[in-house]
């Protein structure tokens, strides 16, 4: 299963890099979101998938007893999802303003000497 997840993360990262280098800002945004998901999947896989009990500590104990699930990767991924969504929304607004100023979302077609407004 680890090899399958590693291959999936590699495939997602490769597709994201290809999309981000295309020169189209919407493809860049989609690639950026895909790259964020690939990183989240890599963090999730690095946290070792297990079917252990929730990491709760009993009264009077100093550590959980038995095999427990690792909560740290889950907390990191949840935080990354929220931050990534905010960043994607902000980038979408920037692309909208870019289109309003230059009339295109193709990076190669932009004439920086004469913006529309």
N, C-alpha and C. Protein backbone atom coordinates (compact mmCIF):
# COMPACT_ATOMS: atom_id res chain seq x y z
N UNK A 1 0.82 -1.19 0.00
CA UNK A 1 0.00 0.00 0.00
C UNK A 1 0.86 1.26 0.00
N UNK A 2 2.00 1.19 0.71
CA UNK A 2 2.89 2.35 0.75
C UNK A 2 3.44 2.67 -0.64
N UNK A 3 3.76 1.63 -1.40
CA UNK A 3 4.28 1.84 -2.75
C UNK A 3 3.22 2.46 -3.67
N UNK A 4 1.99 2.03 -3.52
CA UNK A 4 0.90 2.60 -4.30
C UNK A 4 0.69 4.07 -3.97
N UNK A 5 0.72 4.41 -2.68
CA UNK A 5 0.56 5.81 -2.27
C UNK A 5 1.73 6.66 -2.74
N UNK A 6 2.93 6.13 -2.67
CA UNK A 6 4.10 6.87 -3.15
C UNK A 6 3.99 7.14 -4.65
N UNK A 7 3.54 6.14 -5.40
CA UNK A 7 3.34 6.34 -6.83
C UNK A 7 2.27 7.37 -7.13
N UNK A 8 1.19 7.34 -6.35
CA UNK A 8 0.12 8.32 -6.53
C UNK A 8 0.59 9.73 -6.21
N UNK A 9 1.36 9.88 -5.13
CA UNK A 9 1.91 11.20 -4.77
C UNK A 9 2.86 11.68 -5.87
N UNK A 10 3.68 10.79 -6.40
CA UNK A 10 4.60 11.17 -7.48
C UNK A 10 3.85 11.57 -8.75
N UNK A 11 2.80 10.83 -9.09
CA UNK A 11 1.99 11.16 -10.26
C UNK A 11 1.29 12.51 -10.09
N UNK A 12 0.71 12.72 -8.92
CA UNK A 12 0.03 14.00 -8.67
C UNK A 12 1.01 15.16 -8.71
N UNK A 13 2.20 14.97 -8.17
CA UNK A 13 3.21 16.03 -8.18
C UNK A 13 3.67 16.32 -9.60
N UNK A 14 3.86 15.29 -10.41
CA UNK A 14 4.26 15.49 -11.79
C UNK A 14 3.22 16.22 -12.61
N UNK A 15 1.95 15.81 -12.46
CA UNK A 15 0.87 16.49 -13.17
C UNK A 15 0.74 17.93 -12.72
N UNK A 16 0.89 18.17 -11.41
CA UNK A 16 0.81 19.53 -10.88
C UNK A 16 1.93 20.40 -11.44
N UNK A 17 3.15 19.86 -11.51
CA UNK A 17 4.26 20.63 -12.06
C UNK A 17 4.02 20.94 -13.54
N UNK A 18 3.50 19.97 -14.28
CA UNK A 18 3.21 20.19 -15.70
C UNK A 18 2.16 21.27 -15.88
N UNK A 19 1.11 21.23 -15.06
CA UNK A 19 0.06 22.24 -15.15
C UNK A 19 0.58 23.63 -14.77
N UNK A 20 1.42 23.69 -13.76
CA UNK A 20 1.91 24.98 -13.29
C UNK A 20 2.87 25.63 -14.27
N UNK A 21 3.50 24.86 -15.13
CA UNK A 21 4.44 25.42 -16.11
C UNK A 21 3.81 25.67 -17.47
N UNK A 22 2.48 25.53 -17.58
CA UNK A 22 1.83 25.65 -18.88
C UNK A 22 1.71 27.08 -19.39
N UNK A 23 1.74 28.07 -18.52
CA UNK A 23 1.62 29.45 -18.96
C UNK A 23 0.20 30.01 -18.87
N UNK A 24 -0.77 29.16 -18.55
CA UNK A 24 -2.15 29.58 -18.36
C UNK A 24 -2.40 29.69 -16.87
N UNK A 25 -2.94 30.82 -16.42
CA UNK A 25 -3.08 31.03 -14.98
C UNK A 25 -4.12 30.12 -14.34
N UNK A 26 -5.17 29.74 -15.06
CA UNK A 26 -6.15 28.81 -14.48
C UNK A 26 -5.55 27.42 -14.33
N UNK A 27 -4.76 27.00 -15.30
CA UNK A 27 -4.06 25.71 -15.16
C UNK A 27 -3.07 25.78 -14.01
N UNK A 28 -2.43 26.93 -13.84
CA UNK A 28 -1.53 27.11 -12.71
C UNK A 28 -2.27 26.92 -11.39
N UNK A 29 -3.46 27.51 -11.29
CA UNK A 29 -4.24 27.41 -10.07
C UNK A 29 -4.67 25.97 -9.81
N UNK A 30 -5.09 25.25 -10.83
CA UNK A 30 -5.47 23.85 -10.67
C UNK A 30 -4.25 23.02 -10.26
N UNK A 31 -3.10 23.27 -10.89
CA UNK A 31 -1.88 22.56 -10.52
C UNK A 31 -1.45 22.86 -9.10
N UNK A 32 -1.66 24.10 -8.68
CA UNK A 32 -1.30 24.50 -7.32
C UNK A 32 -2.16 23.75 -6.30
N UNK A 33 -3.45 23.64 -6.59
CA UNK A 33 -4.34 22.88 -5.71
C UNK A 33 -3.99 21.40 -5.69
N UNK A 34 -3.66 20.86 -6.85
CA UNK A 34 -3.27 19.45 -6.94
C UNK A 34 -1.97 19.18 -6.19
N UNK A 35 -1.03 20.12 -6.27
CA UNK A 35 0.22 19.96 -5.52
C UNK A 35 -0.03 19.98 -4.02
N UNK A 36 -0.93 20.85 -3.57
CA UNK A 36 -1.28 20.87 -2.15
C UNK A 36 -1.89 19.56 -1.69
N UNK A 37 -2.75 18.97 -2.53
CA UNK A 37 -3.34 17.68 -2.19
C UNK A 37 -2.29 16.57 -2.19
N UNK A 38 -1.33 16.64 -3.09
CA UNK A 38 -0.25 15.64 -3.10
C UNK A 38 0.58 15.72 -1.83
N UNK A 39 0.87 16.92 -1.39
CA UNK A 39 1.63 17.09 -0.15
C UNK A 39 0.83 16.58 1.04
N UNK A 40 -0.47 16.88 1.08
CA UNK A 40 -1.31 16.37 2.17
C UNK A 40 -1.34 14.85 2.19
N UNK A 41 -1.42 14.24 1.02
CA UNK A 41 -1.41 12.78 0.94
C UNK A 41 -0.08 12.20 1.39
N UNK A 42 1.01 12.88 1.06
CA UNK A 42 2.34 12.43 1.50
C UNK A 42 2.47 12.53 3.02
N UNK A 43 1.97 13.60 3.60
CA UNK A 43 2.01 13.74 5.07
C UNK A 43 1.15 12.67 5.72
N UNK A 44 -0.02 12.42 5.16
CA UNK A 44 -0.91 11.40 5.70
C UNK A 44 -0.26 10.03 5.64
N UNK A 45 0.40 9.72 4.55
CA UNK A 45 1.06 8.42 4.40
C UNK A 45 2.27 8.32 5.32
N UNK A 46 2.99 9.42 5.52
CA UNK A 46 4.15 9.40 6.41
C UNK A 46 3.74 9.18 7.86
N UNK A 47 2.49 9.50 8.19
CA UNK A 47 2.00 9.31 9.55
C UNK A 47 1.59 7.88 9.86
N UNK A 48 1.83 6.97 8.94
CA UNK A 48 1.51 5.54 9.10
C UNK A 48 0.03 5.33 9.33
N UNK A 49 -0.64 4.81 8.33
CA UNK A 49 -2.05 4.48 8.45
C UNK A 49 -2.21 3.32 9.42
N UNK A 50 -3.04 3.47 10.42
CA UNK A 50 -3.28 2.39 11.37
C UNK A 50 -4.73 2.43 11.82
N UNK A 51 -5.19 1.30 12.27
CA UNK A 51 -6.55 1.18 12.77
C UNK A 51 -6.55 1.14 14.29
N UNK A 52 -5.59 1.79 14.91
CA UNK A 52 -5.49 1.80 16.36
C UNK A 52 -6.59 2.62 17.00
N UNK A 53 -6.62 2.56 18.29
CA UNK A 53 -7.63 3.30 19.06
C UNK A 53 -7.31 4.79 19.02
N UNK A 54 -8.28 5.64 19.36
CA UNK A 54 -7.99 7.07 19.44
C UNK A 54 -6.91 7.33 20.50
N UNK A 55 -6.07 8.34 20.30
CA UNK A 55 -4.96 8.58 21.23
C UNK A 55 -5.42 9.29 22.51
N UNK A 56 -6.20 8.60 23.30
CA UNK A 56 -6.69 9.15 24.56
C UNK A 56 -5.90 8.55 25.72
N UNK A 57 -5.60 9.38 26.70
CA UNK A 57 -4.83 8.93 27.87
C UNK A 57 -5.80 8.77 29.03
N UNK A 58 -5.77 7.62 29.67
CA UNK A 58 -6.66 7.35 30.80
C UNK A 58 -6.25 8.18 32.02
N UNK A 59 -7.18 8.34 32.95
CA UNK A 59 -6.88 9.09 34.17
C UNK A 59 -5.75 8.43 34.95
N UNK A 60 -4.77 9.20 35.34
CA UNK A 60 -3.66 8.70 36.13
C UNK A 60 -2.52 8.12 35.30
N UNK A 61 -2.71 7.91 34.01
CA UNK A 61 -1.65 7.36 33.15
C UNK A 61 -0.83 8.49 32.55
N UNK A 62 0.39 8.16 32.13
CA UNK A 62 1.27 9.15 31.51
C UNK A 62 1.34 9.00 30.00
N UNK A 63 0.85 7.89 29.48
CA UNK A 63 0.87 7.63 28.05
C UNK A 63 -0.30 6.72 27.70
N UNK A 64 -0.73 6.74 26.45
CA UNK A 64 -1.82 5.82 26.07
C UNK A 64 -1.35 4.38 26.11
N UNK A 65 -2.29 3.51 26.37
CA UNK A 65 -1.98 2.09 26.48
C UNK A 65 -2.31 1.41 25.15
N UNK A 66 -1.39 0.58 24.66
CA UNK A 66 -1.62 -0.17 23.44
C UNK A 66 -1.32 0.65 22.19
N UNK A 67 -1.76 0.11 21.05
CA UNK A 67 -1.52 0.78 19.77
C UNK A 67 -2.60 1.85 19.55
N UNK A 68 -2.13 3.08 19.30
CA UNK A 68 -3.06 4.19 19.06
C UNK A 68 -2.73 4.84 17.73
N UNK A 69 -3.72 5.50 17.16
CA UNK A 69 -3.52 6.22 15.91
C UNK A 69 -2.73 7.50 16.17
N UNK A 70 -1.94 7.91 15.19
CA UNK A 70 -1.15 9.12 15.31
C UNK A 70 -2.01 10.31 14.90
N UNK A 71 -2.27 11.22 15.82
CA UNK A 71 -3.15 12.35 15.55
C UNK A 71 -2.41 13.54 14.94
N UNK A 72 -1.11 13.59 15.02
CA UNK A 72 -0.36 14.74 14.51
C UNK A 72 -0.50 14.93 13.00
N UNK A 73 -0.32 13.88 12.16
CA UNK A 73 -0.52 14.10 10.72
C UNK A 73 -1.93 14.56 10.38
N UNK A 74 -2.91 14.06 11.10
CA UNK A 74 -4.29 14.47 10.83
C UNK A 74 -4.49 15.94 11.16
N UNK A 75 -3.91 16.40 12.25
CA UNK A 75 -4.02 17.82 12.61
C UNK A 75 -3.27 18.70 11.61
N UNK A 76 -2.10 18.25 11.16
CA UNK A 76 -1.34 19.02 10.17
C UNK A 76 -2.10 19.12 8.85
N UNK A 77 -2.72 18.03 8.43
CA UNK A 77 -3.45 18.03 7.17
C UNK A 77 -4.69 18.90 7.27
N UNK A 78 -5.38 18.84 8.38
CA UNK A 78 -6.57 19.68 8.55
C UNK A 78 -6.19 21.17 8.47
N UNK A 79 -5.10 21.54 9.11
CA UNK A 79 -4.63 22.92 9.04
C UNK A 79 -4.21 23.28 7.63
N UNK A 80 -3.54 22.37 6.94
CA UNK A 80 -3.09 22.64 5.57
C UNK A 80 -4.28 22.78 4.62
N UNK A 81 -5.34 22.03 4.83
CA UNK A 81 -6.52 22.14 3.98
C UNK A 81 -7.14 23.53 4.12
N UNK A 82 -7.27 24.00 5.35
CA UNK A 82 -7.87 25.32 5.58
C UNK A 82 -7.01 26.43 4.98
N UNK A 83 -5.72 26.38 5.22
CA UNK A 83 -4.82 27.39 4.68
C UNK A 83 -4.78 27.31 3.16
N UNK A 84 -4.74 26.10 2.62
CA UNK A 84 -4.72 25.92 1.17
C UNK A 84 -5.97 26.45 0.50
N UNK A 85 -7.13 26.25 1.12
CA UNK A 85 -8.36 26.78 0.54
C UNK A 85 -8.35 28.30 0.52
N UNK A 86 -7.89 28.92 1.61
CA UNK A 86 -7.79 30.38 1.64
C UNK A 86 -6.83 30.90 0.59
N UNK A 87 -5.71 30.23 0.43
CA UNK A 87 -4.72 30.65 -0.57
C UNK A 87 -5.25 30.48 -1.99
N UNK A 88 -5.99 29.39 -2.25
CA UNK A 88 -6.58 29.20 -3.57
C UNK A 88 -7.63 30.27 -3.87
N UNK A 89 -8.45 30.61 -2.87
CA UNK A 89 -9.46 31.66 -3.08
C UNK A 89 -8.78 33.00 -3.37
N UNK A 90 -7.72 33.33 -2.63
CA UNK A 90 -6.99 34.57 -2.86
C UNK A 90 -6.35 34.58 -4.25
N UNK A 91 -5.78 33.46 -4.66
CA UNK A 91 -5.17 33.38 -5.98
C UNK A 91 -6.20 33.50 -7.09
N UNK A 92 -7.38 32.94 -6.88
CA UNK A 92 -8.45 33.08 -7.86
C UNK A 92 -8.85 34.54 -8.03
N UNK A 93 -8.91 35.29 -6.95
CA UNK A 93 -9.22 36.73 -7.03
C UNK A 93 -8.09 37.46 -7.76
N UNK A 94 -6.85 37.09 -7.51
CA UNK A 94 -5.74 37.71 -8.23
C UNK A 94 -5.81 37.44 -9.73
N UNK A 95 -6.19 36.22 -10.10
CA UNK A 95 -6.33 35.90 -11.53
C UNK A 95 -7.47 36.71 -12.14
N UNK A 96 -8.55 36.88 -11.41
CA UNK A 96 -9.67 37.69 -11.89
C UNK A 96 -9.23 39.14 -12.12
N UNK A 97 -8.48 39.69 -11.19
CA UNK A 97 -7.96 41.06 -11.36
C UNK A 97 -6.95 41.13 -12.51
N UNK A 98 -6.16 40.12 -12.67
CA UNK A 98 -5.20 40.06 -13.78
C UNK A 98 -5.93 40.07 -15.11
N UNK A 99 -7.01 39.29 -15.20
CA UNK A 99 -7.80 39.26 -16.43
C UNK A 99 -8.47 40.62 -16.67
N UNK A 100 -8.93 41.26 -15.61
CA UNK A 100 -9.53 42.57 -15.76
C UNK A 100 -8.54 43.63 -16.22
N UNK A 101 -7.30 43.51 -15.79
CA UNK A 101 -6.29 44.50 -16.15
C UNK A 101 -5.68 44.25 -17.53
N UNK A 102 -5.48 43.00 -17.90
CA UNK A 102 -4.77 42.69 -19.14
C UNK A 102 -5.64 42.03 -20.22
N UNK A 103 -6.83 41.58 -19.87
CA UNK A 103 -7.72 40.99 -20.85
C UNK A 103 -7.37 39.58 -21.26
N UNK A 104 -6.47 38.92 -20.58
CA UNK A 104 -6.08 37.55 -20.89
C UNK A 104 -5.57 36.87 -19.63
N UNK A 105 -5.61 35.53 -19.63
CA UNK A 105 -4.99 34.78 -18.54
C UNK A 105 -3.77 34.01 -19.03
N UNK A 106 -3.42 34.22 -20.28
CA UNK A 106 -2.21 33.61 -20.83
C UNK A 106 -1.03 34.52 -20.51
N UNK A 107 -0.04 33.98 -19.84
CA UNK A 107 1.10 34.78 -19.41
C UNK A 107 1.90 35.31 -20.60
N UNK A 108 2.00 34.53 -21.67
CA UNK A 108 2.80 34.95 -22.83
C UNK A 108 2.15 36.08 -23.63
N UNK A 109 0.84 36.27 -23.49
CA UNK A 109 0.13 37.29 -24.26
C UNK A 109 0.06 38.64 -23.55
N UNK A 110 0.67 38.78 -22.40
CA UNK A 110 0.55 40.00 -21.61
C UNK A 110 1.53 41.05 -22.13
N UNK A 111 1.00 42.26 -22.35
CA UNK A 111 1.82 43.40 -22.72
C UNK A 111 1.87 44.32 -21.49
N UNK A 112 2.97 44.27 -20.77
CA UNK A 112 3.07 45.03 -19.51
C UNK A 112 3.16 46.54 -19.75
N UNK A 113 3.48 46.95 -20.97
CA UNK A 113 3.59 48.38 -21.25
C UNK A 113 2.23 49.06 -21.25
N UNK A 114 1.16 48.34 -21.62
CA UNK A 114 -0.16 48.96 -21.72
C UNK A 114 -1.23 48.10 -21.04
N UNK A 115 -1.38 48.20 -19.74
CA UNK A 115 -2.51 47.51 -19.10
C UNK A 115 -3.82 48.23 -19.45
N UNK A 116 -4.91 47.48 -19.44
CA UNK A 116 -6.21 48.06 -19.79
C UNK A 116 -6.69 49.05 -18.75
N UNK A 117 -6.38 48.82 -17.49
CA UNK A 117 -6.72 49.77 -16.42
C UNK A 117 -6.05 49.37 -15.15
